[in-house]
Protein backbone atom coordinates (compact mmCIF):
# COMPACT_ATOMS: atom_id res chain seq x y z
CA MET A 1 0.00 0.01 -0.01
CA ARG A 2 2.81 2.39 0.93
CA ASN A 3 4.55 1.63 -2.36
CA LEU A 4 1.36 2.46 -4.26
CA LEU A 5 1.07 5.83 -2.46
CA ASN A 6 4.68 6.67 -3.23
CA LEU A 7 4.12 5.84 -6.91
CA LEU A 8 1.03 8.04 -7.09
CA PHE A 9 2.90 10.93 -5.41
CA PHE A 10 5.79 10.66 -7.89
CA ALA A 11 3.38 10.60 -10.82
CA ALA A 12 1.71 13.74 -9.50
CA LEU A 13 5.06 15.52 -9.31
CA VAL A 14 5.92 14.56 -12.88
CA LEU A 15 2.53 15.68 -14.17
CA GLY A 16 2.89 18.95 -12.32
CA ALA A 17 6.33 19.51 -13.82
CA VAL A 18 5.09 18.74 -17.30
CA SER A 19 2.10 21.09 -16.86
CA CYS A 20 4.50 23.95 -15.96
CA ARG A 21 6.82 23.27 -18.91
CA SER A 22 4.61 23.12 -22.01
CA THR A 23 5.93 22.16 -25.44
CA LEU A 24 5.07 24.49 -28.38
CA THR A 25 4.14 23.23 -31.78
CA THR A 26 4.60 26.06 -34.29
CA VAL A 27 4.72 26.19 -38.06
CA LYS A 28 7.73 27.63 -39.84
CA PRO A 29 6.85 30.63 -42.07
CA ALA A 30 7.53 30.00 -45.74
CA GLU A 31 11.00 30.98 -46.90
CA LYS A 32 10.50 33.24 -49.94
CA TYR A 33 11.90 36.46 -51.33
CA ASP A 34 10.67 39.44 -53.26
CA ASP A 35 12.25 40.09 -56.62
CA PHE A 36 15.16 42.49 -56.38
CA ASN A 37 14.01 45.25 -58.76
CA TYR A 38 16.76 47.71 -58.03
CA GLN A 39 16.74 50.72 -60.35
CA PRO A 40 20.21 52.27 -60.28
CA VAL A 41 20.48 56.04 -60.41
CA SER A 42 21.99 57.59 -63.53
CA SER A 43 25.34 59.23 -63.26
CA VAL A 44 27.14 62.01 -65.07
CA ILE A 45 30.74 61.69 -66.19
CA SER A 46 32.19 64.82 -67.68
CA LEU A 47 34.73 64.82 -70.50
CA PRO A 48 36.44 68.20 -70.40
CA VAL A 49 38.76 68.96 -73.25
CA GLU A 50 41.12 71.93 -73.19
CA ILE A 51 43.05 73.14 -76.23
CA LYS A 52 45.59 75.90 -76.04
CA THR A 53 44.95 78.66 -78.54
CA ALA A 54 48.62 78.33 -79.42
CA SER A 55 47.96 74.77 -80.65
CA LEU A 56 45.09 75.92 -82.82
CA GLU A 57 47.23 78.78 -84.08
CA ALA A 58 49.88 76.30 -85.19
CA LEU A 59 47.27 74.29 -87.11
CA LEU A 60 45.91 77.34 -88.83
CA ASN A 61 49.39 78.52 -89.74
CA LYS A 62 50.10 75.09 -91.17
CA GLN A 63 46.98 75.29 -93.32
CA LEU A 64 47.67 78.78 -94.57
CA THR A 65 51.21 79.25 -95.97
CA GLY A 66 53.14 81.02 -98.72
CA LEU A 67 51.37 82.78 -101.58
CA ILE A 68 47.68 82.95 -100.82
CA TYR A 69 46.49 85.41 -103.47
CA ASP A 70 47.73 86.01 -107.01
CA ASP A 71 46.05 88.50 -109.36
CA ASN A 72 48.51 88.38 -112.26
CA SER A 73 46.59 90.35 -114.92
CA LEU A 74 46.04 94.05 -115.27
CA ASP A 75 42.75 93.38 -116.96
CA ASN A 76 41.10 91.36 -114.15
CA ASN A 77 38.18 92.78 -112.23
CA GLY A 78 36.86 94.85 -115.13
CA GLY A 79 40.23 96.18 -116.32
CA ASP A 80 41.27 97.86 -113.08
CA ASN A 81 44.92 98.22 -114.14
CA VAL A 82 46.03 96.65 -110.85
CA MET A 83 47.99 93.44 -110.18
CA VAL A 84 48.31 92.14 -106.61
CA LYS A 85 50.15 89.28 -105.00
CA ALA A 86 49.72 88.44 -101.30
CA TRP A 87 51.87 86.26 -99.08
CA LYS A 88 51.42 85.40 -95.43
CA LYS A 89 53.95 87.63 -93.67
CA ASP A 90 53.87 86.34 -90.10
CA ASN A 91 51.98 83.73 -88.09
CA ILE A 92 48.27 84.17 -87.60
CA LYS A 93 47.44 85.32 -84.08
CA LEU A 94 44.37 83.76 -82.48
CA ASN A 95 42.27 84.62 -79.42
CA PHE A 96 38.97 83.48 -78.06
CA GLU A 97 36.71 86.26 -76.85
CA LYS A 98 32.99 86.43 -76.04
CA GLY A 99 32.23 83.11 -77.67
CA GLN A 100 34.09 83.82 -80.90
CA PHE A 101 37.53 83.18 -82.27
CA ILE A 102 39.29 86.43 -83.17
CA TYR A 103 42.35 86.33 -85.34
CA ARG A 104 44.65 88.54 -87.35
CA VAL A 105 46.24 87.52 -90.65
CA PRO A 106 49.32 89.61 -91.56
CA LEU A 107 50.10 89.75 -95.29
CA LYS A 108 52.91 91.03 -97.45
CA LEU A 109 51.69 92.67 -100.65
CA TRP A 110 53.20 93.30 -104.06
CA ILE A 111 51.17 95.81 -106.07
CA LYS A 112 51.55 96.89 -109.65
CA ALA A 113 49.26 99.75 -110.65
CA GLY A 114 49.06 102.54 -113.19
CA TRP A 115 47.15 103.99 -116.09
CA LYS A 116 46.74 103.44 -119.78
CA ILE A 117 45.18 105.63 -122.50
CA GLU A 118 44.54 104.63 -126.10
CA LYS A 119 43.34 107.32 -128.51
CA PHE A 120 43.88 108.18 -132.16
CA GLY A 121 45.98 105.05 -132.53
CA LEU A 122 48.30 106.12 -129.78
CA SER A 123 48.84 104.25 -126.52
CA LEU A 124 50.11 106.02 -123.42
CA SER A 125 50.70 104.24 -120.09
CA ASP A 126 52.65 104.39 -116.86
CA TYR A 127 52.95 101.60 -114.24
CA ARG A 128 54.69 101.44 -110.93
CA GLU A 129 55.36 98.65 -108.45
CA VAL A 130 55.18 98.98 -104.70
CA ASN A 131 55.45 96.71 -101.69
CA ALA A 132 53.18 97.05 -98.69
CA GLU A 133 52.00 95.15 -95.63
CA ILE A 134 48.47 94.73 -94.36
CA ALA A 135 46.75 92.76 -91.52
CA LEU A 136 43.34 91.29 -92.20
CA LYS A 137 41.03 90.81 -89.21
CA PHE A 138 38.41 88.04 -88.92
CA HIS A 139 36.08 86.55 -86.36
CA THR A 140 34.65 83.01 -86.47
CA SER A 141 31.79 81.55 -84.51
CA VAL A 142 31.72 77.79 -84.01
CA THR A 143 28.56 75.71 -83.66
CA LEU A 144 28.41 72.08 -82.54
CA ASN A 145 25.93 69.88 -84.37
CA LYS A 146 24.09 66.81 -83.15
CA ASP A 147 25.98 64.63 -85.62
CA TRP A 148 29.24 65.72 -83.93
CA THR A 149 30.33 67.97 -86.79
CA VAL A 150 31.45 71.59 -86.39
CA THR A 151 30.00 74.47 -88.35
CA THR A 152 32.06 77.67 -88.65
CA LEU A 153 30.81 81.10 -89.70
CA THR A 154 33.57 83.59 -90.51
CA GLY A 155 33.19 87.34 -90.99
CA SER A 156 35.55 90.22 -91.68
CA ASP A 157 36.48 92.73 -89.03
CA GLY A 158 38.32 94.97 -91.45
CA TYR A 159 42.04 95.55 -91.85
CA GLU A 160 44.92 97.71 -90.88
CA TRP A 161 47.89 98.84 -92.99
CA LEU A 162 51.19 97.82 -91.48
CA SER A 163 53.06 99.92 -94.05
CA THR A 164 51.19 102.39 -96.22
CA PRO A 165 51.87 102.23 -99.97
CA THR A 166 52.28 105.44 -101.99
CA LEU A 167 50.65 105.01 -105.33
CA LYS A 168 50.56 108.42 -107.03
CA ILE A 169 51.46 107.79 -110.64
CA GLY A 170 51.37 110.92 -112.71
CA PRO A 171 47.83 112.26 -112.71
CA VAL A 172 46.36 109.01 -111.37
CA ASP A 173 45.75 108.34 -107.64
CA VAL A 174 45.23 104.63 -106.91
CA PRO A 175 42.76 104.36 -104.00
CA ILE A 176 44.22 102.37 -101.09
CA THR A 177 40.77 101.42 -99.87
CA PHE A 178 40.00 99.82 -103.14
CA ILE A 179 43.10 97.65 -102.93
CA ALA A 180 42.39 96.57 -99.34
CA ASP A 181 38.78 95.75 -100.10
CA MET A 182 39.81 93.81 -103.19
CA ILE A 183 42.30 91.76 -101.21
CA ILE A 184 39.71 90.94 -98.54
CA LYS A 185 37.08 90.08 -101.17
CA TYR A 186 39.23 87.69 -103.10
CA ASN A 187 41.07 86.18 -100.14
CA THR A 188 38.21 85.54 -97.74
CA GLN A 189 37.25 82.24 -99.37
CA THR A 190 40.85 81.03 -99.33
CA ILE A 191 41.44 82.07 -95.76
CA ASN A 192 38.06 80.77 -94.58
CA LYS A 193 38.75 77.33 -96.06
CA ALA A 194 42.10 77.17 -94.24
CA ILE A 195 40.42 78.23 -90.99
CA ASP A 196 37.60 75.69 -91.44
CA ASP A 197 40.09 72.90 -92.12
CA GLY A 198 42.07 73.91 -89.06
CA PHE A 199 39.07 73.88 -86.80
CA LYS A 200 37.80 70.55 -88.04
CA GLN A 201 41.21 69.01 -87.55
CA SER A 202 41.75 70.40 -84.08
CA LEU A 203 38.17 70.01 -82.83
CA ASP A 204 37.58 66.46 -83.92
CA LEU A 205 35.07 65.83 -81.14
CA LYS A 206 33.49 62.67 -82.52
CA THR A 207 36.70 60.66 -82.65
CA ASN A 208 37.54 61.37 -79.03
CA ALA A 209 33.96 60.92 -77.84
CA LYS A 210 33.52 57.57 -79.64
CA LYS A 211 36.74 56.22 -78.21
CA ALA A 212 35.78 57.38 -74.72
CA TRP A 213 32.25 55.97 -75.18
CA GLU A 214 33.61 52.47 -75.94
CA GLU A 215 36.43 52.45 -73.40
CA LEU A 216 34.08 53.48 -70.59
CA GLN A 217 31.98 50.38 -71.16
CA LYS A 218 34.81 47.96 -70.40
CA PRO A 219 34.67 46.72 -66.75
CA MET A 220 37.37 48.39 -64.62
CA LEU A 221 39.14 46.58 -61.80
CA LEU A 222 39.41 49.08 -58.95
CA SER A 223 40.87 46.69 -56.40
CA LYS A 224 42.57 43.40 -57.20
CA ASP A 225 42.78 42.37 -53.55
CA TYR A 226 39.04 42.74 -52.92
CA GLY A 227 37.85 42.05 -56.47
CA LEU A 228 36.06 45.40 -56.72
CA TRP A 229 34.88 46.14 -60.26
CA LEU A 230 33.32 49.26 -61.79
CA ARG A 231 31.04 48.94 -64.83
CA VAL A 232 29.75 51.96 -66.73
CA SER A 233 26.74 51.73 -69.09
CA PRO A 234 26.51 55.07 -70.97
CA LYS A 235 23.15 56.25 -72.25
CA THR A 236 23.30 59.81 -73.66
CA VAL A 237 25.84 62.46 -74.43
CA SER A 238 25.42 66.22 -73.97
CA ALA A 239 27.77 69.13 -74.56
CA LEU A 240 28.22 72.79 -73.75
CA PRO A 241 28.92 75.31 -76.48
CA ILE A 242 32.65 75.86 -77.00
CA GLY A 243 34.06 78.44 -74.56
CA GLY A 244 37.26 79.54 -72.96
CA GLY A 245 39.59 82.43 -72.42
CA ASN A 246 43.09 83.33 -71.24
CA GLY A 247 44.68 81.30 -73.97
CA ILE A 248 42.58 78.18 -73.43
CA ILE A 249 39.73 76.84 -75.52
CA LYS A 250 37.38 74.68 -73.48
CA HIS A 251 34.82 72.09 -74.49
CA THR A 252 32.94 69.89 -72.04
CA THR A 253 31.00 66.78 -72.97
CA SER A 254 28.80 65.09 -70.39
CA ILE A 255 28.10 61.37 -70.58
CA GLU A 256 25.00 60.17 -68.74
CA ALA A 257 25.51 56.63 -67.57
CA VAL A 258 24.68 54.01 -65.00
CA THR A 259 27.80 53.17 -63.00
CA GLU A 260 27.70 50.02 -60.86
CA CYS A 261 30.24 48.45 -58.53
CA TYR A 262 30.60 44.67 -58.14
CA SER A 263 32.50 42.53 -55.70
CA GLY A 264 33.96 39.23 -56.81
CA LYS A 265 34.33 38.08 -60.41
CA GLN A 266 34.46 40.44 -63.36
CA PRO A 267 30.97 41.53 -64.47
CA ALA A 268 29.78 40.78 -67.97
CA GLN A 269 31.02 43.15 -70.63
CA LYS A 270 28.28 44.86 -72.56
CA ILE A 271 29.53 47.28 -75.19
CA ASN A 272 27.16 49.37 -77.28
CA PRO A 273 29.36 50.71 -80.11
CA VAL A 274 26.80 53.22 -81.38
CA LEU A 275 27.62 56.77 -80.32
CA PRO A 276 24.33 58.64 -79.85
CA ASP A 277 23.53 62.05 -81.26
CA LEU A 278 25.02 64.96 -79.35
CA VAL A 279 22.61 66.98 -77.25
CA ILE A 280 23.61 70.65 -77.00
CA SER A 281 22.83 72.17 -73.61
CA ASN A 282 23.49 75.45 -71.85
CA LYS A 283 24.04 73.76 -68.48
CA LEU A 284 25.35 70.34 -67.54
CA ASN A 285 24.85 68.40 -64.35
CA ASP A 286 28.20 67.29 -62.96
CA GLU A 287 27.07 64.90 -60.21
CA PHE A 288 28.58 61.42 -60.34
CA VAL A 289 26.70 58.55 -58.62
CA ALA A 290 28.28 55.16 -58.26
CA ASN A 291 25.63 52.52 -57.66
CA VAL A 292 26.99 49.87 -55.30
CA VAL A 293 25.24 46.78 -54.02
CA ALA A 294 26.55 45.72 -50.64
CA TYR A 295 25.79 42.21 -49.38
CA ALA A 296 25.56 40.93 -45.82
CA GLY A 297 25.34 37.14 -46.14
CA TYR A 298 23.37 34.89 -43.78
CA PRO A 299 26.52 33.34 -42.32
CA TYR A 300 27.62 36.81 -41.20
CA LEU A 301 24.12 37.70 -39.99
CA ASP A 302 23.80 34.39 -38.10
CA SER A 303 27.18 34.88 -36.42
CA ILE A 304 26.12 38.32 -35.15
CA THR A 305 22.74 37.07 -33.99
CA LYS A 306 24.15 34.06 -32.19
CA ARG A 307 26.71 36.14 -30.42
CA MET A 308 24.05 38.57 -29.20
CA VAL A 309 21.16 36.18 -28.52
CA ASN A 310 22.32 32.62 -27.91
CA ASN A 311 22.02 31.48 -24.28
CA THR A 312 20.27 34.69 -23.17
CA THR A 313 17.56 34.26 -20.55
CA TYR A 314 14.41 36.37 -20.18
CA ASN A 315 12.48 36.38 -16.95
CA PHE A 316 8.78 37.18 -16.71
CA GLY A 317 7.71 36.90 -13.07
CA LYS A 318 7.92 33.21 -12.09
CA ARG A 319 8.43 32.16 -15.69
CA SER A 320 11.47 32.37 -17.89
CA ILE A 321 12.83 31.17 -21.23
CA THR A 322 16.36 30.79 -22.58
CA ILE A 323 17.11 31.10 -26.29
CA THR A 324 19.49 28.31 -27.15
CA SER A 325 19.88 28.80 -30.89
CA VAL A 326 18.80 31.16 -33.65
CA SER A 327 18.77 31.24 -37.45
CA LEU A 328 17.61 33.80 -40.01
CA PHE A 329 15.81 33.67 -43.40
CA GLY A 330 13.48 35.77 -45.47
CA ASN A 331 9.75 35.86 -45.89
CA ASP A 332 8.92 38.36 -48.68
CA SER A 333 10.05 41.74 -47.32
CA LYS A 334 10.42 40.52 -43.72
CA MET A 335 13.27 38.78 -41.98
CA ILE A 336 12.31 35.74 -39.88
CA VAL A 337 14.21 34.99 -36.69
CA ALA A 338 13.80 31.33 -35.76
CA ALA A 339 14.60 30.84 -32.06
CA ASP A 340 14.88 27.56 -30.16
CA VAL A 341 13.78 28.09 -26.54
CA LYS A 342 13.69 26.15 -23.32
CA GLY A 343 12.43 26.90 -19.88
CA SER A 344 8.83 27.54 -18.99
CA ILE A 345 8.04 26.53 -22.57
CA ASN A 346 10.06 24.43 -24.98
CA GLY A 347 10.13 24.49 -28.74
CA LYS A 348 10.67 26.94 -31.58
CA ILE A 349 9.23 30.41 -31.89
CA TYR A 350 9.39 32.70 -34.87
CA PHE A 351 9.76 36.48 -34.96
CA ALA A 352 9.36 38.72 -38.02
CA GLY A 353 10.83 42.18 -38.61
CA VAL A 354 11.61 44.58 -41.48
CA PRO A 355 15.31 45.29 -42.19
CA ALA A 356 16.22 48.96 -42.30
CA TYR A 357 19.43 50.98 -42.46
CA ARG A 358 20.34 53.08 -39.39
CA GLU A 359 22.63 55.91 -40.46
CA ALA A 360 23.68 56.79 -36.88
CA ASP A 361 25.92 53.73 -36.60
CA SER A 362 25.97 52.42 -40.18
CA SER A 363 24.02 49.29 -39.25
CA VAL A 364 21.13 47.26 -40.56
CA VAL A 365 18.50 46.79 -37.84
CA LEU A 366 15.14 45.08 -37.60
CA LYS A 367 12.13 47.38 -37.21
CA ASP A 368 8.63 46.42 -36.08
CA VAL A 369 9.73 43.08 -34.68
CA GLN A 370 6.70 40.94 -33.80
CA PHE A 371 5.84 37.27 -33.38
CA ALA A 372 5.14 35.60 -36.71
CA ILE A 373 1.37 35.28 -37.11
CA GLN A 374 1.08 31.50 -36.57
CA THR A 375 3.47 31.67 -33.60
CA LYS A 376 1.38 34.46 -32.07
CA ASN A 377 -1.82 32.42 -32.43
CA VAL A 378 -0.25 29.39 -30.74
CA LEU A 379 1.08 31.50 -27.84
CA LEU A 380 -2.24 33.16 -27.23
CA LYS A 381 -3.74 29.72 -26.71
CA SER A 382 -1.02 28.04 -24.67
CA ALA A 383 1.35 30.73 -23.34
CA SER A 384 -0.41 34.08 -23.38
CA TRP A 385 2.04 35.34 -20.77
CA LEU A 386 4.83 35.15 -23.41
CA ALA A 387 2.62 36.52 -26.18
CA ASN A 388 2.12 39.70 -24.12
CA SER A 389 5.54 39.80 -22.50
CA GLY A 390 7.19 42.37 -24.85
CA ILE A 391 10.10 40.03 -25.64
CA GLU A 392 9.91 41.25 -29.25
CA LYS A 393 11.21 44.67 -28.22
CA LEU A 394 14.00 43.10 -26.16
CA LEU A 395 15.05 40.95 -29.09
CA ALA A 396 14.89 43.88 -31.56
CA LYS A 397 17.52 45.76 -29.57
CA LYS A 398 19.96 42.90 -30.13
CA MET A 399 19.30 42.57 -33.86
CA VAL A 400 21.94 45.03 -35.05
CA PHE A 401 24.17 44.14 -38.00
CA PRO A 402 27.06 46.54 -38.54
CA ILE A 403 27.94 47.14 -42.22
CA GLY A 404 29.88 50.37 -41.68
CA PRO A 405 33.34 48.77 -42.08
CA GLN A 406 32.27 47.23 -45.43
CA LEU A 407 30.87 50.55 -46.63
CA ARG A 408 34.03 52.40 -45.57
CA SER A 409 36.25 49.85 -47.23
CA THR A 410 34.36 50.11 -50.49
CA TYR A 411 34.35 53.91 -50.33
CA ASP A 412 38.05 54.15 -49.60
CA MET A 413 39.01 51.74 -52.37
CA MET A 414 36.93 53.66 -54.91
CA ALA A 415 38.23 57.04 -53.74
CA GLN A 416 41.84 55.88 -54.01
CA SER A 417 41.43 54.21 -57.40
CA LEU A 418 39.58 57.16 -58.95
CA LYS A 419 42.27 59.73 -58.14
CA LYS A 420 43.71 58.76 -61.51
CA TYR A 421 42.58 55.57 -63.20
CA ASP A 422 44.01 54.87 -66.66
CA ILE A 423 41.42 53.25 -68.89
CA ALA A 424 43.04 53.61 -72.35
CA GLN A 425 45.95 55.29 -74.05
CA GLY A 426 45.48 58.97 -73.45
CA PHE A 427 42.30 58.59 -71.36
CA TYR A 428 42.00 58.42 -67.58
CA LEU A 429 39.30 58.80 -64.95
CA THR A 430 39.78 61.24 -62.12
CA GLY A 431 37.42 62.39 -59.45
CA THR A 432 36.46 62.83 -55.82
CA LEU A 433 33.84 61.13 -53.71
CA ASN A 434 32.02 62.85 -50.84
CA THR A 435 28.90 61.06 -49.59
CA ILE A 436 27.38 57.62 -49.18
CA GLN A 437 23.64 57.10 -49.28
CA VAL A 438 22.18 53.73 -48.34
CA MET A 439 18.82 52.74 -49.81
CA GLN A 440 16.19 50.44 -48.28
CA PRO A 441 17.81 47.03 -47.64
CA VAL A 442 16.27 44.08 -49.45
CA LEU A 443 16.25 40.39 -48.48
CA SER A 444 17.62 37.80 -50.90
CA PRO A 445 18.30 34.07 -50.70
CA ALA A 446 21.93 34.87 -49.91
CA GLY A 447 21.37 37.54 -47.26
CA ILE A 448 20.61 41.26 -47.01
CA ILE A 449 21.22 43.45 -50.04
CA ALA A 450 21.95 47.08 -49.23
CA PRO A 451 21.93 49.28 -52.37
CA LEU A 452 24.29 52.27 -52.01
CA SER A 453 24.79 55.51 -53.90
CA ILE A 454 28.28 56.97 -53.55
CA LYS A 455 28.23 60.54 -54.83
CA GLY A 456 30.93 62.85 -56.00
CA LYS A 457 32.36 64.21 -59.22
CA LEU A 458 34.11 62.17 -61.91
CA ALA A 459 35.73 63.29 -65.09
CA LEU A 460 37.15 61.39 -68.07
CA LYS A 461 40.14 63.33 -69.25
CA LEU A 462 42.19 63.25 -72.38
CA ASP A 463 45.88 63.43 -71.60
C-alpha cells in the first residue's frame, strides 16, 4: 500500500512539472523572397577637353602658308589696271573672346598699278610697283551639331595697314581702300577654307567621344585584392557650347551613364558601339553617382545574431525562457528569426521584422519586430504570458548588423582608385567622392542586399 502511495505521489510531481513546462508546436513561415528590382540612379561623367589657342594657331598657320592670293593680270576685275600678290607675312594670331575666335592675318603685298590711255591710234601708259604690308582681321563663331560635326561662320572685321603704300602715278591716284577691299574680297574664301580645315582638324570631337564611349563600357578593376569592379553603361551624351579664355579653348561633354560596382568576379562586358547624337545644352549636371550593391550574407548575420542572442535568458515573473539557438531567413520583405527556446516553454518560436538601415551607426536593424502570425496564435492559446511579454522589443535591440566597415572599405578603395585611373591610351578617370547614401535594404536568398549611392564628381580626361 505504501509503495502504491509513493508511486502516485511521484506521478503527480511529474505531471505537475510537465504542466509547468509546455511544449510548443509552431509552423515555420515560408521561406520566400521578393524580386530585387533595383533601379540604379543615372550618373554624369564629364569629359572636359582643353586646347591651347597656341595649338590651334599652329594648325591654322600650317593650313595657310606662302602665296595665298595672285592676281597676275592688269585686266582682271573689269580692267582695273592693278595686279596684286599676297603672301602670309607672319603667323596668324588667335584669341577666343566672347564666344568667338578672333584672329589677325598679316600679309605682305606686291602691287603693280598705273594707267593706260589709247586714242587716235596712240597708246600712253605708266605703271609702278610697290610693296606694302596689311593685316586682315576676322572673327569666327563655331557651332556644334548633333551629328558631332562643327560648323564655322567667318566674318571680316576689317584691316589695318602695317606699311602704307604710296601710289601716285602721274595724274592717277590709286585708292588704297580699293586695294584693301579687293584683297579681302578675293582672299576671304581662301582664308576661310584654311580656318575651317584647321578647326575641323583640331576640334575632332566625334573621334575622341567615340573612343571614350567604348572604353568606358569595359569593366574596370578598382581593387585586385578585394575584387572590386566598376562597370559603366553610358546612355546619352550632352555638350556645352565651346568656350574659354586666357589662352585656353574649353569644351565639355557630359556622358549620362549608369555606374555600378561589383564585388567578386568580373561583371559581364556589354559594349554598345553606337555613339548617340550629341545633345547641346546650356548647363550640364556634374554629379557622379556610383551605384553599389553591398551584401551581408546569412553566415555573417547568423554569427552576429548568435553572439548577441544565444544562451540569453528572459524572466517574466515566475516564468522564464532561454534562447538556445537562432537562425535567419526571409519571408517576402520581412526577416524571420527562428529561435529555439527552453524553460517555462520548450520548442521553436518565430519572430518577423523589417530590415532597415540606421545611419547613426551604419548598421542594418530590424524594425517592427513581432511574433510571426502563426506563432502568435499558438502563444495566445497556450502561453499568453509570453505573447504579451514584450520580448519582441528586447530581441529587436539585439538585432543590429554593422555594415559600416564594409561601406568604408568600398568607399576608400573607390576614392583611391579614382584619383587617376588609366582606362586607355590617353584617357584616364579622375574624381572625388564625398557622400554615401544607403537605400532600403532588401532580403535575398543569400542575405541582406543594401543598395548604395556613392556621390561625387568624376571626369574622363584626355591626356
